[in-house]
């Protein structure tokens, strides 16, 4: 009953602000509210290191005066502050330069109630004591792994949030979500050389979160396996990105199909609509309706209806990611991918992305490759957005005859993504861990820079 009253009060507040903006001279307006409660705990060496508690309620307002727009935000929701907020937003909009693509989302593209039930909220609340215990247990499990020398800390958190959007052209929608996370980082040592390793997980429901023992042991084993790393000579060889890292080589393709990038002409895929970008069989799905998904949503951040769609189907590019502004600029319709905070214009983002798996597991990919590099960690990726030239520092394992031979570090891999994507081979080890999930990926003949 309290939740229902709070939701009703939030809706009334946003409707009042939108109406006040129209009375103050705005031609159109949208208001958003974000309510959040969160608790996080960190431990190191079994001792409590920090506790952070957050209780916030924030408000954002965007107004349009003709083709001019402005946005403001506040965390003080008193009547006097709301009045100043409205006055300031309208005054700013009148002074802003004209934007021919500015405006609310088209009414015929708006999501309609009842919205999809996505099971995003778990009412469970974890106390500081429970979070501390979970973090300490994960850390202890990691430290118990042979070869692990010391901890970088364990952390556990819980959060609850509610997002609501109200517009002057009739949209009113909200949804509530929760998140539970647990993770730990450790350092393993061998012959004076040290390697880091860690594991962390986040889920919508507490019951879906792996146990502290599993997370800790995984972190410790990951760090210990990296000790004794060698440098390798520069070469050209097959490279496999494991399923925890593979998304980082696919993500540039997602960025390259964003509407703003296409409109600016700064994408290496700007002329590839309807053409093959990935190897045959590669399908990349964006699904906003996955139950309990970390990226699930019943509507986008402009109130536009969302849908499950393949961004790349059998390797072929099928769509751009569009919000209302980029859609107008390109003469198209929004695809329901608007993403925004409390202030500012909307950008674009995906929901729950995953690549459909292949037929061979990781061991099978290594067997097929024979000899090559298995990448398990990546840092400092560099991308030329216009050409797709890509490179990254990596570490992982050298394998020979399809089996792990030894760990390696201080390696750089590089290539032209449009060429690499066409030679991609998918593994079967797809795991739904976050909002972007990809199986292990193998590429033949990749340039590797070593010692």
Protein backbone atom coordinates (compact mmCIF):
# COMPACT_ATOMS: atom_id res chain seq x y z
CA UNK A 1 0.00 0.00 0.00
CA UNK A 2 2.86 2.38 0.84
CA UNK A 3 4.52 1.65 -2.52
CA UNK A 4 1.27 2.38 -4.35
CA UNK A 5 0.89 5.69 -2.51
CA UNK A 6 4.51 6.63 -3.28
CA UNK A 7 4.05 5.79 -6.96
CA UNK A 8 0.84 7.81 -7.11
CA UNK A 9 2.51 10.78 -5.42
CA UNK A 10 5.46 10.58 -7.83
CA UNK A 11 3.12 10.56 -10.83
CA UNK A 12 1.17 13.53 -9.50
CA UNK A 13 4.40 15.46 -8.88
CA UNK A 14 5.66 14.91 -12.43
CA UNK A 15 2.30 15.80 -13.98
CA UNK A 16 2.25 19.02 -11.95
CA UNK A 17 5.76 19.96 -13.12
CA UNK A 18 4.93 19.28 -16.77
CA UNK A 19 1.78 21.41 -16.53
CA UNK A 20 3.74 24.18 -14.80
CA UNK A 21 6.26 24.16 -17.64
CA UNK A 22 3.50 24.52 -20.23
CA UNK A 23 1.97 27.42 -18.27
CA UNK A 24 5.42 29.05 -18.09
CA UNK A 25 5.68 29.12 -21.89
CA UNK A 26 6.99 25.71 -22.96
CA UNK A 27 5.39 24.14 -26.03
CA UNK A 28 6.16 20.63 -24.78
CA UNK A 29 7.84 19.08 -21.74
CA UNK A 30 8.85 15.81 -20.14
CA UNK A 31 9.71 15.11 -16.51
CA UNK A 32 11.52 12.12 -15.03
CA UNK A 33 12.05 10.99 -11.47
CA UNK A 34 14.55 8.51 -10.11
CA UNK A 35 14.19 7.09 -6.62
CA UNK A 36 17.06 4.96 -5.36
CA UNK A 37 18.03 3.10 -2.19
CA UNK A 38 21.36 1.35 -1.98
CA UNK A 39 23.71 -0.24 0.53
CA UNK A 40 27.25 -1.45 -0.20
CA UNK A 41 29.90 -2.98 2.03
CA UNK A 42 33.60 -3.58 1.44
CA UNK A 43 35.96 -5.83 3.38
CA UNK A 44 39.69 -6.44 3.24
CA UNK A 45 41.49 -9.25 5.04
CA UNK A 46 38.30 -10.18 6.82
CA UNK A 47 37.79 -6.73 8.29
CA UNK A 48 35.15 -4.20 7.45
CA UNK A 49 36.66 -1.48 5.25
CA UNK A 50 33.74 0.71 4.19
CA UNK A 51 29.96 0.98 4.29
CA UNK A 52 28.00 3.27 1.98
CA UNK A 53 24.28 3.97 2.25
CA UNK A 54 22.31 5.95 -0.34
CA UNK A 55 18.74 7.27 -0.24
CA UNK A 56 17.99 9.64 -3.09
CA UNK A 57 15.08 11.07 -5.01
CA UNK A 58 16.00 13.15 -8.05
CA UNK A 59 14.03 15.00 -10.66
CA UNK A 60 14.78 15.98 -14.26
CA UNK A 61 12.86 18.30 -16.57
CA UNK A 62 13.30 18.87 -20.30
CA UNK A 63 11.31 21.59 -22.05
CA UNK A 64 10.87 22.63 -25.67
CA UNK A 65 10.15 26.14 -26.92
CA UNK A 66 9.67 25.75 -30.63
CA UNK A 67 12.78 23.92 -31.85
CA UNK A 68 14.80 25.00 -28.85
CA UNK A 69 15.30 22.80 -25.81
CA UNK A 70 16.85 22.85 -22.35
CA UNK A 71 17.02 20.47 -19.41
CA UNK A 72 17.61 20.85 -15.68
CA UNK A 73 17.70 18.53 -12.69
CA UNK A 74 17.41 18.77 -8.90
CA UNK A 75 17.41 16.62 -5.79
CA UNK A 76 15.50 19.17 -3.69
CA UNK A 77 11.83 18.64 -4.53
CA UNK A 78 10.36 21.43 -2.42
CA UNK A 79 7.68 23.60 -4.07
CA UNK A 80 10.01 26.61 -4.19
CA UNK A 81 12.76 24.59 -5.90
CA UNK A 82 10.30 23.10 -8.40
CA UNK A 83 9.10 26.57 -9.30
CA UNK A 84 12.65 27.80 -9.88
CA UNK A 85 13.42 24.64 -11.85
CA UNK A 86 10.57 25.27 -14.26
CA UNK A 87 11.40 28.97 -14.66
CA UNK A 88 15.08 28.25 -15.29
CA UNK A 89 14.39 25.49 -17.83
CA UNK A 90 12.01 27.64 -19.90
CA UNK A 91 14.35 30.64 -19.77
CA UNK A 92 17.28 28.49 -20.91
CA UNK A 93 15.28 26.99 -23.75
CA UNK A 94 14.36 30.43 -25.08
CA UNK A 95 18.07 31.26 -25.31
CA UNK A 96 19.19 27.92 -26.76
CA UNK A 97 20.05 27.53 -30.47
CA UNK A 98 17.43 25.94 -32.66
CA UNK A 99 17.69 22.21 -33.24
CA UNK A 100 15.59 21.01 -36.21
CA UNK A 101 15.52 17.49 -34.79
CA UNK A 102 14.46 18.35 -31.22
CA UNK A 103 11.13 17.24 -29.83
CA UNK A 104 9.26 14.61 -27.90
CA UNK A 105 8.93 11.13 -29.34
CA UNK A 106 6.10 10.77 -31.88
CA UNK A 107 2.85 9.81 -30.17
CA UNK A 108 2.25 6.86 -32.48
CA UNK A 109 5.55 5.30 -31.33
CA UNK A 110 4.80 5.48 -27.59
CA UNK A 111 4.44 2.34 -25.49
CA UNK A 112 0.94 1.67 -24.24
CA UNK A 113 -0.16 0.25 -20.90
CA UNK A 114 -0.32 -2.40 -19.66
CA UNK A 115 3.44 -2.69 -19.91
CA UNK A 116 5.26 -6.02 -20.04
CA UNK A 117 5.86 -7.71 -16.68
CA UNK A 118 9.59 -8.39 -16.58
CA UNK A 119 10.14 -9.53 -12.96
CA UNK A 120 12.88 -6.94 -12.37
CA UNK A 121 12.21 -6.27 -8.70
CA UNK A 122 13.03 -8.43 -5.70
CA UNK A 123 11.80 -6.83 -2.45
CA UNK A 124 14.53 -8.57 -0.43
CA UNK A 125 16.79 -6.18 1.43
CA UNK A 126 20.21 -7.26 2.68
CA UNK A 127 21.43 -5.81 5.93
CA UNK A 128 24.93 -4.39 6.32
CA UNK A 129 25.79 -7.44 8.44
CA UNK A 130 24.62 -9.87 5.74
CA UNK A 131 26.55 -8.00 3.05
CA UNK A 132 29.68 -7.94 5.20
CA UNK A 133 29.41 -11.67 5.83
CA UNK A 134 28.96 -12.47 2.12
CA UNK A 135 31.92 -10.28 1.12
CA UNK A 136 34.10 -11.80 3.84
CA UNK A 137 33.16 -15.35 2.82
CA UNK A 138 33.97 -14.64 -0.83
CA UNK A 139 37.31 -13.13 0.15
CA UNK A 140 38.15 -16.07 2.42
CA UNK A 141 37.35 -18.57 -0.34
CA UNK A 142 39.62 -16.70 -2.75
CA UNK A 143 42.48 -16.48 -0.24
CA UNK A 144 42.20 -20.22 0.40
CA UNK A 145 43.22 -21.01 -3.19
CA UNK A 146 46.82 -22.17 -3.41
CA UNK A 147 49.10 -19.47 -4.76
CA UNK A 148 46.93 -16.52 -3.75
CA UNK A 149 49.06 -14.13 -1.71
CA UNK A 150 46.77 -11.30 -0.68
CA UNK A 151 43.40 -9.69 -1.13
CA UNK A 152 42.40 -6.55 -2.95
CA UNK A 153 39.08 -6.66 -1.13
CA UNK A 154 35.65 -8.17 -1.29
CA UNK A 155 32.48 -6.20 -1.89
CA UNK A 156 28.75 -6.80 -1.71
CA UNK A 157 25.82 -4.51 -2.40
CA UNK A 158 22.08 -4.24 -2.73
CA UNK A 159 20.02 -1.55 -4.46
CA UNK A 160 16.45 -0.72 -5.39
CA UNK A 161 15.35 1.91 -7.90
CA UNK A 162 12.22 3.26 -9.54
CA UNK A 163 12.18 5.31 -12.77
CA UNK A 164 9.16 7.28 -13.97
CA UNK A 165 8.62 9.35 -17.13
CA UNK A 166 5.73 11.74 -17.77
CA UNK A 167 5.34 13.80 -20.96
CA UNK A 168 3.04 16.57 -22.05
CA UNK A 169 1.72 14.48 -24.93
CA UNK A 170 0.24 11.79 -22.76
CA UNK A 171 2.89 9.27 -21.76
CA UNK A 172 3.06 8.12 -18.13
CA UNK A 173 5.09 5.04 -17.31
CA UNK A 174 7.30 3.67 -14.57
CA UNK A 175 9.10 0.51 -13.57
CA UNK A 176 11.00 -0.71 -10.55
CA UNK A 177 14.19 -2.74 -10.40
CA UNK A 178 16.58 -4.24 -7.90
CA UNK A 179 20.19 -5.39 -8.05
CA UNK A 180 22.33 -7.63 -5.85
CA UNK A 181 26.07 -7.94 -6.40
CA UNK A 182 29.03 -9.77 -4.91
CA UNK A 183 32.68 -9.77 -5.95
CA UNK A 184 36.28 -10.11 -4.85
CA UNK A 185 39.73 -9.35 -6.22
CA UNK A 186 42.99 -11.03 -5.20
CA UNK A 187 46.67 -11.16 -6.12
CA UNK A 188 48.53 -14.44 -6.68
CA UNK A 189 52.32 -14.67 -6.52
CA UNK A 190 54.90 -17.07 -7.94
CA UNK A 191 58.66 -16.61 -8.04
CA UNK A 192 58.27 -12.95 -7.16
CA UNK A 193 55.87 -12.21 -10.02
CA UNK A 194 52.32 -11.19 -9.18
CA UNK A 195 49.07 -11.50 -11.13
CA UNK A 196 45.62 -10.16 -10.39
CA UNK A 197 42.38 -12.07 -10.68
CA UNK A 198 38.82 -11.47 -9.68
CA UNK A 199 35.19 -12.40 -10.09
CA UNK A 200 31.99 -10.45 -9.57
CA UNK A 201 28.35 -11.02 -10.38
CA UNK A 202 25.20 -8.90 -10.37
CA UNK A 203 21.61 -10.13 -10.59
CA UNK A 204 18.12 -8.69 -10.31
CA UNK A 205 17.04 -11.28 -7.73
CA UNK A 206 19.01 -12.38 -4.70
CA UNK A 207 18.17 -16.04 -5.38
CA UNK A 208 19.99 -15.84 -8.74
CA UNK A 209 23.26 -14.59 -7.24
CA UNK A 210 25.97 -17.30 -7.08
CA UNK A 211 27.19 -18.21 -3.61
CA UNK A 212 30.15 -16.53 -1.97
CA UNK A 213 32.20 -19.75 -2.05
CA UNK A 214 31.80 -20.07 -5.83
CA UNK A 215 32.63 -16.43 -6.53
CA UNK A 216 35.64 -16.44 -4.22
CA UNK A 217 37.07 -19.71 -5.47
CA UNK A 218 36.67 -18.58 -9.09
CA UNK A 219 38.53 -15.34 -8.35
CA UNK A 220 41.36 -17.16 -6.62
CA UNK A 221 41.74 -19.80 -9.31
CA UNK A 222 41.73 -17.15 -12.00
CA UNK A 223 44.57 -15.26 -10.32
CA UNK A 224 46.61 -18.37 -9.57
CA UNK A 225 46.32 -19.65 -13.14
CA UNK A 226 47.94 -16.47 -14.44
CA UNK A 227 51.15 -16.78 -12.41
CA UNK A 228 54.33 -17.68 -14.21
CA UNK A 229 53.28 -15.75 -17.30
CA UNK A 230 55.75 -15.53 -20.17
CA UNK A 231 56.28 -13.10 -23.00
CA UNK A 232 55.91 -14.41 -26.52
CA UNK A 233 57.46 -13.33 -29.80
CA UNK A 234 55.44 -11.33 -32.29
CA UNK A 235 53.57 -13.61 -34.65
CA UNK A 236 50.35 -14.21 -36.55
CA UNK A 237 48.15 -16.93 -35.11
CA UNK A 238 44.57 -17.86 -34.22
CA UNK A 239 43.19 -15.87 -31.29
CA UNK A 240 40.27 -16.93 -29.10
CA UNK A 241 38.53 -14.48 -26.79
CA UNK A 242 36.85 -16.30 -23.91
CA UNK A 243 33.20 -15.61 -23.18
CA UNK A 244 34.00 -13.07 -20.47
CA UNK A 245 36.08 -10.94 -22.88
CA UNK A 246 34.48 -11.61 -26.27
CA UNK A 247 31.90 -8.88 -25.91
CA UNK A 248 34.67 -6.28 -26.02
CA UNK A 249 35.55 -7.12 -29.60
CA UNK A 250 31.87 -7.13 -30.64
CA UNK A 251 30.92 -3.89 -28.85
CA UNK A 252 32.56 -1.63 -31.50
CA UNK A 253 30.05 -2.99 -34.02
CA UNK A 254 27.22 -2.02 -31.69
CA UNK A 255 28.60 1.49 -31.31
CA UNK A 256 29.03 1.70 -35.08
CA UNK A 257 25.30 1.20 -35.69
CA UNK A 258 24.15 3.92 -33.26
CA UNK A 259 22.02 6.54 -34.96
CA UNK A 260 24.07 9.54 -33.82
CA UNK A 261 27.25 7.98 -35.25
CA UNK A 262 25.53 7.24 -38.54
CA UNK A 263 24.09 10.75 -38.71
CA UNK A 264 27.55 12.23 -38.12
CA UNK A 265 29.10 9.89 -40.68
CA UNK A 266 31.70 8.70 -38.15
CA UNK A 267 31.02 4.97 -38.30
CA UNK A 268 32.96 2.24 -40.11
CA UNK A 269 29.58 0.61 -40.82
CA UNK A 270 27.78 3.71 -42.14
CA UNK A 271 27.46 2.30 -45.68
CA UNK A 272 26.81 -1.32 -44.73
CA UNK A 273 23.04 -1.46 -44.10
CA UNK A 274 21.65 -4.69 -45.54
CA UNK A 275 25.14 -6.06 -46.15
CA UNK A 276 27.06 -8.87 -44.50
CA UNK A 277 29.20 -7.63 -41.62
CA UNK A 278 29.73 -10.82 -39.61
CA UNK A 279 30.35 -14.37 -40.76
CA UNK A 280 27.40 -16.49 -41.82
CA UNK A 281 25.29 -17.70 -38.90
CA UNK A 282 26.18 -14.81 -36.60
CA UNK A 283 23.01 -13.32 -35.11
CA UNK A 284 23.13 -10.57 -32.48
CA UNK A 285 19.84 -10.19 -30.60
CA UNK A 286 18.68 -7.20 -28.56
CA UNK A 287 15.94 -8.31 -26.18
CA UNK A 288 14.35 -5.78 -23.79
CA UNK A 289 11.87 -8.39 -22.50
CA UNK A 290 14.18 -10.96 -20.92
CA UNK A 291 12.72 -11.75 -17.47
CA UNK A 292 15.05 -10.53 -14.72
CA UNK A 293 17.44 -9.13 -17.34
CA UNK A 294 19.83 -6.42 -16.21
CA UNK A 295 19.00 -4.42 -19.35
CA UNK A 296 15.29 -5.21 -19.52
CA UNK A 297 12.77 -2.39 -19.81
CA UNK A 298 9.09 -2.02 -20.79
CA UNK A 299 9.81 1.19 -22.76
CA UNK A 300 12.80 3.31 -23.68
CA UNK A 301 13.79 6.56 -22.00
CA UNK A 302 11.55 8.61 -24.29
CA UNK A 303 8.54 6.36 -23.66
CA UNK A 304 8.85 4.64 -27.05
CA UNK A 305 7.75 1.04 -27.39
CA UNK A 306 10.59 -1.48 -27.40
CA UNK A 307 10.83 -4.81 -29.17
CA UNK A 308 13.05 -7.83 -29.52
CA UNK A 309 15.09 -7.50 -32.70
CA UNK A 310 18.18 -8.87 -34.43
CA UNK A 311 20.72 -6.12 -35.02
CA UNK A 312 22.66 -8.53 -37.22
CA UNK A 313 20.80 -11.50 -38.68
CA UNK A 314 22.88 -14.31 -40.19
CA UNK A 315 25.72 -11.79 -40.28
CA UNK A 316 23.72 -9.10 -42.13
CA UNK A 317 23.21 -5.62 -40.65
CA UNK A 318 19.45 -5.04 -40.30
CA UNK A 319 18.95 -1.83 -38.29
CA UNK A 320 20.43 1.28 -36.73
CA UNK A 321 19.93 2.07 -33.04
CA UNK A 322 17.74 5.16 -33.07
CA UNK A 323 16.27 7.60 -30.60
CA UNK A 324 13.77 10.20 -31.79
CA UNK A 325 16.33 12.89 -32.66
CA UNK A 326 18.64 10.64 -34.71
CA UNK A 327 15.62 9.04 -36.39
CA UNK A 328 14.39 12.47 -37.53
CA UNK A 329 17.86 13.35 -38.74
CA UNK A 330 18.02 10.19 -40.85
CA UNK A 331 14.40 10.32 -42.01
CA UNK A 332 13.55 7.12 -40.12
CA UNK A 333 11.57 6.07 -37.03
CA UNK A 334 12.86 5.53 -33.50
CA UNK A 335 13.77 1.92 -32.76
CA UNK A 336 13.13 2.32 -29.02
CA UNK A 337 16.77 2.71 -28.01
CA UNK A 338 16.71 6.15 -26.38
CA UNK A 339 18.78 6.34 -23.21
CA UNK A 340 19.02 9.33 -20.92
CA UNK A 341 19.79 10.48 -17.43
CA UNK A 342 17.95 13.12 -15.46
CA UNK A 343 19.29 16.00 -17.54
CA UNK A 344 20.37 16.40 -21.12
CA UNK A 345 19.13 15.05 -24.40
CA UNK A 346 18.70 11.35 -24.98
CA UNK A 347 21.49 9.23 -26.39
CA UNK A 348 21.12 5.63 -27.54
CA UNK A 349 21.86 2.29 -25.92
CA UNK A 350 20.88 -1.35 -26.29
CA UNK A 351 18.90 -3.41 -23.77
CA UNK A 352 19.91 -7.09 -23.32
CA UNK A 353 22.31 -8.07 -26.09
CA UNK A 354 23.44 -11.59 -26.83
CA UNK A 355 25.05 -13.42 -29.73
CA UNK A 356 23.53 -16.77 -30.60
CA UNK A 357 26.01 -19.56 -29.77
CA UNK A 358 27.80 -21.88 -32.16
CA UNK A 359 28.40 -25.63 -31.93
CA UNK A 360 31.90 -26.00 -30.44
CA UNK A 361 32.80 -25.43 -26.81
CA UNK A 362 36.00 -23.64 -25.82
CA UNK A 363 38.01 -26.86 -25.85
CA UNK A 364 36.65 -27.58 -29.31
CA UNK A 365 37.66 -24.14 -30.58
CA UNK A 366 41.21 -24.66 -29.28
CA UNK A 367 41.33 -28.10 -30.86
CA UNK A 368 40.25 -26.62 -34.18
CA UNK A 369 42.86 -23.85 -33.95
CA UNK A 370 45.66 -26.18 -32.83
CA UNK A 371 48.09 -23.47 -31.67
CA UNK A 372 47.27 -19.89 -30.72
CA UNK A 373 46.36 -17.38 -28.04
CA UNK A 374 43.43 -17.58 -25.60
CA UNK A 375 42.58 -14.09 -24.33
CA UNK A 376 41.15 -13.90 -20.81
CA UNK A 377 41.94 -10.28 -19.96
CA UNK A 378 41.93 -7.07 -21.99
CA UNK A 379 42.94 -3.47 -21.33
CA UNK A 380 43.39 -0.23 -23.25
CA UNK A 381 41.48 -1.09 -26.44
CA UNK A 382 41.94 1.45 -29.22
CA UNK A 383 39.51 1.95 -32.12
CA UNK A 384 39.47 4.16 -35.19
CA UNK A 385 35.72 4.67 -35.51
CA UNK A 386 35.93 5.62 -39.17
CA UNK A 387 37.96 2.66 -40.40
CA UNK A 388 37.46 -0.06 -37.79
CA UNK A 389 41.20 -0.41 -37.12
CA UNK A 390 41.38 -1.94 -33.63
CA UNK A 391 44.03 -3.00 -31.12
CA UNK A 392 44.14 -3.95 -27.45
CA UNK A 393 46.55 -5.05 -24.77
CA UNK A 394 45.70 -8.56 -23.63
CA UNK A 395 46.84 -11.40 -21.44
CA UNK A 396 45.80 -15.02 -21.29
CA UNK A 397 47.23 -18.38 -22.28
CA UNK A 398 49.22 -19.79 -25.16
CA UNK A 399 47.84 -23.13 -26.27
CA UNK A 400 49.47 -25.84 -28.37
CA UNK A 401 47.92 -28.97 -29.87
CA UNK A 402 44.56 -27.71 -28.57
CA UNK A 403 45.67 -27.62 -24.90
CA UNK A 404 46.78 -24.82 -22.58
CA UNK A 405 50.60 -24.62 -22.55
CA UNK A 406 51.39 -21.60 -20.34
CA UNK A 407 50.09 -18.15 -19.34
CA UNK A 408 51.23 -15.07 -21.29
CA UNK A 409 51.10 -11.32 -20.69
CA UNK A 410 52.26 -8.03 -22.21
CA UNK A 411 50.74 -8.90 -25.57
CA UNK A 412 48.92 -6.73 -28.08
CA UNK A 413 46.47 -8.01 -30.67
CA UNK A 414 45.36 -5.90 -33.63
CA UNK A 415 43.34 -6.04 -36.80
CA UNK A 416 40.72 -4.40 -38.97
CA UNK A 417 37.36 -5.27 -37.45
CA UNK A 418 35.42 -5.48 -40.76
CA UNK A 419 37.88 -8.18 -41.85
CA UNK A 420 37.98 -9.97 -38.49
CA UNK A 421 34.19 -10.07 -38.16
CA UNK A 422 33.86 -11.96 -41.43
CA UNK A 423 36.19 -14.68 -40.08
CA UNK A 424 34.51 -15.03 -36.69
CA UNK A 425 33.77 -18.52 -35.34
CA UNK A 426 31.36 -18.76 -32.41
CA UNK A 427 31.73 -21.05 -29.43
CA UNK A 428 28.83 -22.80 -27.72
CA UNK A 429 29.57 -21.44 -24.22
CA UNK A 430 27.08 -18.56 -24.09
CA UNK A 431 26.31 -17.54 -20.50
CA UNK A 432 23.78 -14.90 -19.46
CA UNK A 433 25.81 -12.99 -16.89
CA UNK A 434 24.95 -9.36 -17.64
CA UNK A 435 23.24 -7.19 -20.24
CA UNK A 436 25.76 -8.08 -23.00
CA UNK A 437 26.54 -11.76 -23.43
CA UNK A 438 28.69 -13.37 -26.11
CA UNK A 439 30.14 -16.89 -26.37
CA UNK A 440 33.85 -17.44 -26.85
CA UNK A 441 34.94 -16.20 -30.28
CA UNK A 442 37.78 -17.45 -32.49
CA UNK A 443 39.54 -15.54 -35.27
CA UNK A 444 42.22 -17.04 -37.50
CA UNK A 445 45.45 -15.27 -38.47
CA UNK A 446 45.41 -12.32 -36.05
CA UNK A 447 48.46 -10.07 -35.69
CA UNK A 448 50.03 -10.56 -32.25
CA UNK A 449 52.72 -8.17 -30.99
CA UNK A 450 54.91 -9.57 -28.23
CA UNK A 451 58.54 -9.13 -27.22
